[in-house]
Protein backbone atom coordinates (compact mmCIF):
# COMPACT_ATOMS: atom_id res chain seq x y z
CA UNK A 1 9.24 -9.50 -20.20
CA UNK A 2 11.39 -12.73 -20.40
CA UNK A 3 14.64 -10.81 -20.62
CA UNK A 4 13.65 -8.60 -17.69
CA UNK A 5 12.54 -11.57 -15.60
CA UNK A 6 15.80 -13.48 -16.35
CA UNK A 7 17.81 -10.47 -15.37
CA UNK A 8 16.14 -10.15 -12.08
CA UNK A 9 16.42 -13.88 -11.37
CA UNK A 10 20.21 -13.63 -12.17
CA UNK A 11 20.46 -10.76 -9.78
CA UNK A 12 18.82 -12.61 -6.91
CA UNK A 13 20.83 -15.89 -7.57
CA UNK A 14 24.13 -13.99 -7.61
CA UNK A 15 23.19 -12.06 -4.58
CA UNK A 16 23.04 -14.97 -2.16
CA UNK A 17 23.20 -18.68 -2.58
CA UNK A 18 21.93 -19.17 0.91
CA UNK A 19 18.94 -17.32 2.40
CA UNK A 20 20.30 -14.91 5.05
CA UNK A 21 19.14 -15.40 8.61
CA UNK A 22 19.23 -12.67 11.33
CA UNK A 23 19.86 -13.63 15.01
CA UNK A 24 16.12 -13.18 15.79
CA UNK A 25 13.23 -13.14 13.44
CA UNK A 26 12.49 -14.56 9.93
CA UNK A 27 15.05 -15.25 7.32
CA UNK A 28 15.08 -13.61 3.94
CA UNK A 29 13.69 -16.87 2.50
CA UNK A 30 10.84 -16.72 5.05
CA UNK A 31 10.02 -13.14 4.01
CA UNK A 32 10.14 -14.13 0.22
CA UNK A 33 7.77 -17.02 0.92
CA UNK A 34 5.51 -14.65 2.81
CA UNK A 35 5.55 -12.46 -0.24
CA UNK A 36 4.98 -15.43 -2.51
CA UNK A 37 1.94 -16.34 -0.43
CA UNK A 38 0.50 -12.87 -1.07
CA UNK A 39 1.31 -12.97 -4.77
CA UNK A 40 -0.39 -16.38 -5.06
CA UNK A 41 -3.46 -14.84 -3.56
CA UNK A 42 -3.42 -11.88 -5.96
CA UNK A 43 -2.65 -14.06 -8.98
CA UNK A 44 -5.51 -16.40 -8.24
CA UNK A 45 -7.82 -13.45 -7.54
CA UNK A 46 -7.35 -12.01 -11.01
CA UNK A 47 -7.19 -15.18 -12.94
CA UNK A 48 -10.51 -16.48 -11.51
CA UNK A 49 -12.22 -13.14 -12.00
CA UNK A 50 -11.13 -13.03 -15.68
CA UNK A 51 -12.38 -16.55 -16.14
CA UNK A 52 -15.74 -15.41 -14.88
CA UNK A 53 -15.98 -11.95 -16.33
CA UNK A 54 -15.13 -11.26 -19.99
CA UNK A 55 -15.07 -7.94 -21.88
CA UNK A 56 -18.83 -8.07 -22.31
CA UNK A 57 -19.29 -8.35 -18.56
CA UNK A 58 -17.19 -5.29 -18.03
CA UNK A 59 -18.98 -3.28 -20.70
CA UNK A 60 -22.37 -4.28 -19.27
CA UNK A 61 -21.20 -3.05 -15.85
CA UNK A 62 -20.41 0.31 -17.34
CA UNK A 63 -16.66 -0.17 -17.44
CA UNK A 64 -14.54 0.44 -20.54
CA UNK A 65 -12.60 -1.82 -22.94
CA UNK A 66 -9.53 -0.13 -21.46
CA UNK A 67 -10.43 -1.27 -17.97
CA UNK A 68 -10.74 -4.82 -19.03
CA UNK A 69 -7.38 -4.71 -20.85
CA UNK A 70 -5.66 -3.10 -17.88
CA UNK A 71 -6.99 -5.75 -15.57
CA UNK A 72 -5.70 -8.36 -17.94
CA UNK A 73 -2.20 -6.68 -17.73
CA UNK A 74 -2.47 -6.58 -13.88
CA UNK A 75 -3.20 -10.24 -13.85
CA UNK A 76 -0.26 -11.03 -16.12
CA UNK A 77 1.99 -8.96 -13.75
CA UNK A 78 0.86 -10.94 -10.71
CA UNK A 79 1.59 -14.22 -12.56
CA UNK A 80 5.06 -12.86 -13.33
CA UNK A 81 5.57 -11.99 -9.66
CA UNK A 82 4.66 -15.56 -8.70
CA UNK A 83 7.11 -17.05 -11.31
CA UNK A 84 9.96 -14.65 -10.17
CA UNK A 85 9.63 -15.30 -6.46
CA UNK A 86 9.24 -19.10 -7.10
CA UNK A 87 12.38 -19.17 -9.12
CA UNK A 88 14.33 -16.91 -6.77
CA UNK A 89 13.50 -19.17 -3.82
CA UNK A 90 14.42 -22.32 -5.73
CA UNK A 91 17.69 -20.73 -6.79
CA UNK A 92 18.42 -19.86 -3.23
CA UNK A 93 17.80 -23.50 -2.09
CA UNK A 94 14.46 -22.78 -0.44
CA UNK A 95 11.15 -24.53 -1.12
CA UNK A 96 8.56 -22.08 -2.53
CA UNK A 97 5.01 -22.31 -1.05
CA UNK A 98 2.21 -23.25 -3.37
CA UNK A 99 -1.11 -21.42 -3.95
CA UNK A 100 -3.92 -21.97 -1.38
CA UNK A 101 -7.67 -22.18 -1.84
CA UNK A 102 -9.49 -18.89 -1.45
CA UNK A 103 -12.86 -17.25 -1.23
CA UNK A 104 -12.76 -13.63 -2.31
CA UNK A 105 -16.57 -12.94 -1.82
CA UNK A 106 -17.14 -10.73 -4.89
CA UNK A 107 -20.42 -11.11 -6.78
CA UNK A 108 -20.03 -8.95 -9.86
CA UNK A 109 -17.51 -6.86 -11.73
CA UNK A 110 -17.97 -3.85 -9.45
CA UNK A 111 -17.42 -5.78 -6.21
CA UNK A 112 -14.43 -7.54 -7.94
CA UNK A 113 -12.86 -4.15 -8.64
CA UNK A 114 -13.59 -2.83 -5.17
CA UNK A 115 -11.86 -5.93 -3.74
CA UNK A 116 -8.95 -5.48 -6.10
CA UNK A 117 -8.50 -2.01 -4.76
CA UNK A 118 -8.19 -3.26 -1.22
CA UNK A 119 -5.86 -6.08 -2.18
CA UNK A 120 -3.53 -3.89 -4.12
CA UNK A 121 -3.42 -1.38 -1.34
CA UNK A 122 -2.57 -4.19 1.19
CA UNK A 123 0.14 -5.42 -1.24
CA UNK A 124 1.82 -2.06 -1.21
CA UNK A 125 1.62 -1.88 2.50
CA UNK A 126 2.98 -5.43 2.81
CA UNK A 127 6.08 -4.85 0.73
CA UNK A 128 6.72 -1.47 2.38
CA UNK A 129 6.48 -3.05 5.87
CA UNK A 130 8.60 -6.10 4.97
CA UNK A 131 11.48 -3.98 3.46
CA UNK A 132 12.96 -3.21 6.91
CA UNK A 133 13.23 -6.91 7.68
CA UNK A 134 15.08 -7.88 4.55
CA UNK A 135 18.94 -8.23 5.19
CA UNK A 136 20.10 -8.87 1.60
CA UNK A 137 20.43 -5.73 -0.49
CA UNK A 138 19.82 -7.92 -3.57
CA UNK A 139 16.54 -9.29 -2.16
CA UNK A 140 15.55 -5.85 -1.10
CA UNK A 141 16.05 -4.53 -4.64
CA UNK A 142 13.91 -7.32 -6.04
CA UNK A 143 11.22 -6.72 -3.48
CA UNK A 144 11.30 -3.07 -4.24
CA UNK A 145 10.90 -3.72 -7.97
CA UNK A 146 7.62 -5.54 -7.21
CA UNK A 147 6.44 -2.83 -4.73
CA UNK A 148 6.65 -0.03 -7.29
CA UNK A 149 4.54 -2.01 -9.72
CA UNK A 150 2.00 -2.87 -7.06
CA UNK A 151 1.72 0.77 -6.34
CA UNK A 152 0.96 1.44 -9.99
CA UNK A 153 -1.67 -1.24 -9.94
CA UNK A 154 -3.24 0.35 -6.77
CA UNK A 155 -3.37 3.74 -8.30
CA UNK A 156 -4.96 2.48 -11.44
CA UNK A 157 -7.57 0.40 -9.69
CA UNK A 158 -8.39 3.18 -7.20
CA UNK A 159 -8.94 5.65 -10.04
CA UNK A 160 -11.14 3.09 -11.79
CA UNK A 161 -13.48 2.72 -8.81
CA UNK A 162 -13.78 6.42 -8.15
CA UNK A 163 -11.17 6.81 -5.40
CA UNK A 164 -8.29 9.21 -5.47
CA UNK A 165 -5.38 7.30 -7.10
CA UNK A 166 -2.79 8.81 -4.68
CA UNK A 167 -4.78 10.24 -1.70
CA UNK A 168 -1.77 10.81 0.68
CA UNK A 169 1.91 11.80 0.43
CA UNK A 170 2.92 8.60 2.18
CA UNK A 171 1.80 4.97 2.07
CA UNK A 172 1.25 3.10 5.30
CA UNK A 173 3.54 0.07 6.08
CA UNK A 174 2.10 -3.07 7.72
CA UNK A 175 3.89 -5.78 9.65
CA UNK A 176 3.96 -9.42 8.59
CA UNK A 177 1.24 -10.38 11.18
CA UNK A 178 -0.94 -7.41 10.29
CA UNK A 179 -0.94 -8.27 6.61
CA UNK A 180 -1.47 -11.93 7.20
CA UNK A 181 -4.50 -11.03 9.40
CA UNK A 182 -6.09 -9.34 6.37
CA UNK A 183 -4.95 -12.07 3.90
CA UNK A 184 -6.16 -14.85 6.10
CA UNK A 185 -9.83 -13.69 5.72
CA UNK A 186 -9.63 -14.76 2.05
CA UNK A 187 -7.85 -18.05 2.58
CA UNK A 188 -9.85 -21.22 3.09
CA UNK A 189 -7.11 -23.77 3.22
CA UNK A 190 -3.42 -24.23 2.12
CA UNK A 191 -1.43 -27.33 1.08
CA UNK A 192 -0.08 -29.38 3.88
CA UNK A 193 3.26 -29.43 2.10
CA UNK A 194 3.69 -25.65 2.54
CA UNK A 195 6.30 -24.70 5.01
CA UNK A 196 4.81 -22.84 7.91
CA UNK A 197 5.16 -19.10 7.69
CA UNK A 198 6.55 -17.05 10.63
CA UNK A 199 3.26 -15.22 11.00
CA UNK A 200 0.09 -15.39 13.05
CA UNK A 201 -3.41 -13.87 12.43
CA UNK A 202 -4.85 -11.51 15.01
CA UNK A 203 -8.65 -11.56 15.52
CA UNK A 204 -10.27 -10.01 12.54
CA UNK A 205 -11.64 -6.44 12.93
CA UNK A 206 -14.30 -4.99 10.63
CA UNK A 207 -14.95 -1.20 10.18
CA UNK A 208 -18.20 0.47 9.33
CA UNK A 209 -19.57 4.02 9.50
CA UNK A 210 -22.90 5.74 9.28
CA UNK A 211 -21.15 8.35 7.06
CA UNK A 212 -21.41 7.41 3.36
CA UNK A 213 -18.00 9.00 2.82
CA UNK A 214 -15.58 8.61 5.77
CA UNK A 215 -13.54 11.65 6.37
CA UNK A 216 -11.36 13.10 9.16
CA UNK A 217 -13.78 13.52 12.15
CA UNK A 218 -16.06 10.67 11.02
CA UNK A 219 -17.16 8.18 13.65
CA UNK A 220 -16.10 4.57 12.73
CA UNK A 221 -17.39 1.40 14.48
CA UNK A 222 -14.97 -1.37 14.94
CA UNK A 223 -16.53 -4.86 15.32
CA UNK A 224 -15.09 -8.21 16.27
CA UNK A 225 -16.64 -11.45 14.99
CA UNK A 226 -17.33 -13.63 18.03
CA UNK A 227 -14.27 -12.57 19.90
CA UNK A 228 -14.42 -11.09 23.38
CA UNK A 229 -11.47 -8.85 24.41
CA UNK A 230 -11.01 -8.54 28.20
CA UNK A 231 -9.60 -5.38 29.84
CA UNK A 232 -8.96 -1.97 28.51
CA UNK A 233 -8.23 -1.54 24.84
CA UNK A 234 -6.93 1.41 22.77
CA UNK A 235 -7.12 2.11 19.04
CA UNK A 236 -4.32 3.21 16.76
CA UNK A 237 -4.27 4.16 13.16
CA UNK A 238 -1.07 2.88 11.43
CA UNK A 239 1.06 5.47 9.64
CA UNK A 240 4.57 5.70 8.35
CA UNK A 241 5.53 8.04 11.17
CA UNK A 242 4.16 5.57 13.78
CA UNK A 243 0.79 4.75 15.32
CA UNK A 244 -1.70 7.59 15.92
CA UNK A 245 -3.80 6.70 18.99
CA UNK A 246 -7.36 7.74 19.39
CA UNK A 247 -9.94 7.51 22.14
CA UNK A 248 -12.16 4.39 22.09
CA UNK A 249 -15.74 4.21 23.21
CA UNK A 250 -17.59 0.85 23.68
CA UNK A 251 -20.86 0.79 21.78
CA UNK A 252 -23.18 -1.87 20.45
CA UNK A 253 -20.84 -4.70 21.14
CA UNK A 254 -17.99 -2.98 19.36
CA UNK A 255 -15.65 -0.05 19.71
CA UNK A 256 -16.25 3.56 18.29
CA UNK A 257 -13.35 5.66 17.16
CA UNK A 258 -12.93 9.06 15.44
CA UNK A 259 -10.74 9.35 12.31
CA UNK A 260 -7.88 11.74 13.39
CA UNK A 261 -6.17 14.39 11.41
CA UNK A 262 -3.60 13.24 8.82
CA UNK A 263 -5.30 10.03 7.87
CA UNK A 264 -6.32 9.63 4.19
CA UNK A 265 -6.79 6.87 1.62
CA UNK A 266 -6.68 3.17 2.46
CA UNK A 267 -5.96 3.31 6.18
CA UNK A 268 -5.54 0.69 8.95
CA UNK A 269 -6.62 0.76 12.52
CA UNK A 270 -5.84 -1.79 15.26
CA UNK A 271 -6.96 -2.38 18.81
CA UNK A 272 -4.08 -2.50 21.30
CA UNK A 273 -3.55 -3.36 24.92
CA UNK A 274 -1.68 -0.17 25.58
CA UNK A 275 -1.66 3.41 24.30
CA UNK A 276 2.09 3.70 23.66
CA UNK A 277 2.94 1.15 21.05
CA UNK A 278 1.26 -0.93 18.33
CA UNK A 279 3.36 -3.98 17.89
CA UNK A 280 2.91 -7.75 17.68
CA UNK A 281 3.16 -7.87 21.43
CA UNK A 282 0.35 -5.26 22.02
CA UNK A 283 -2.10 -5.63 19.14
CA UNK A 284 -5.16 -7.53 20.16
CA UNK A 285 -7.24 -7.29 17.05
CA UNK A 286 -7.07 -5.99 13.46
CA UNK A 287 -6.20 -4.24 11.47
CA UNK A 288 -9.48 -3.12 9.98
CA UNK A 289 -9.37 -1.27 6.67
CA UNK A 290 -10.86 2.26 6.54
CA UNK A 291 -11.10 4.18 3.29
CA UNK A 292 -10.79 7.82 4.27
CA UNK A 293 -11.68 10.51 1.66
CA UNK A 294 -9.20 13.38 1.49
């Protein structure tokens, strides 16, 4: 592990002594600090859970010794990701952000693993979405090496909680603001010394359904928490090929949508102000996470 980590760090350090900056948008250092923010969240999530739940807790919750061991390995991987990104940013002359204070909301081993499945899926979508914004090929390779491991984590945890480990032929990318909207729901506060990230959180959106197993054709209710949206809104499911827009019906203080064809696995739906694009300029709420059974 140490040799691999040192090799990766050398690769990043040699790739660029100064974080690259495009004419408009975040620098590569901004994106790596954004990635580090997510890795801090995952690292803390697993470390705190393993301090609370030991092997006996997992066995008492009908999980195996192997599950406990795999979760320990995932935790170690997340800690390595934090160390790697921290060192890479320092080597490039940028100040790494520090961990925040979080509230993950799990109450037992089962809810911890369910939350782990969500976080790992968001992590995959985050790295996939950020890849297009990274200018340095060296940084892109480094981020890609984390993405592939996060995808393995996601598949293992999904299988552990009874979900298909790879439910769709493509993963769904999320933009920086979309990911931060989801991450912000777990963050209570961050150190004042942390540099501000080039991100914003949209109003949170929660999804629910009367169907015990959401499938294509299921009705899903999208609810806002204390936020009122004026004007006409549209809904879009985020996919690698672009947003898939669906009809929206106002109901019970929320918005009802139907899961369209081609949506499977951990999916994301946003509310937008137009039915042609789903960008930072048009998203008005979300994303909400919808687990769609294949």
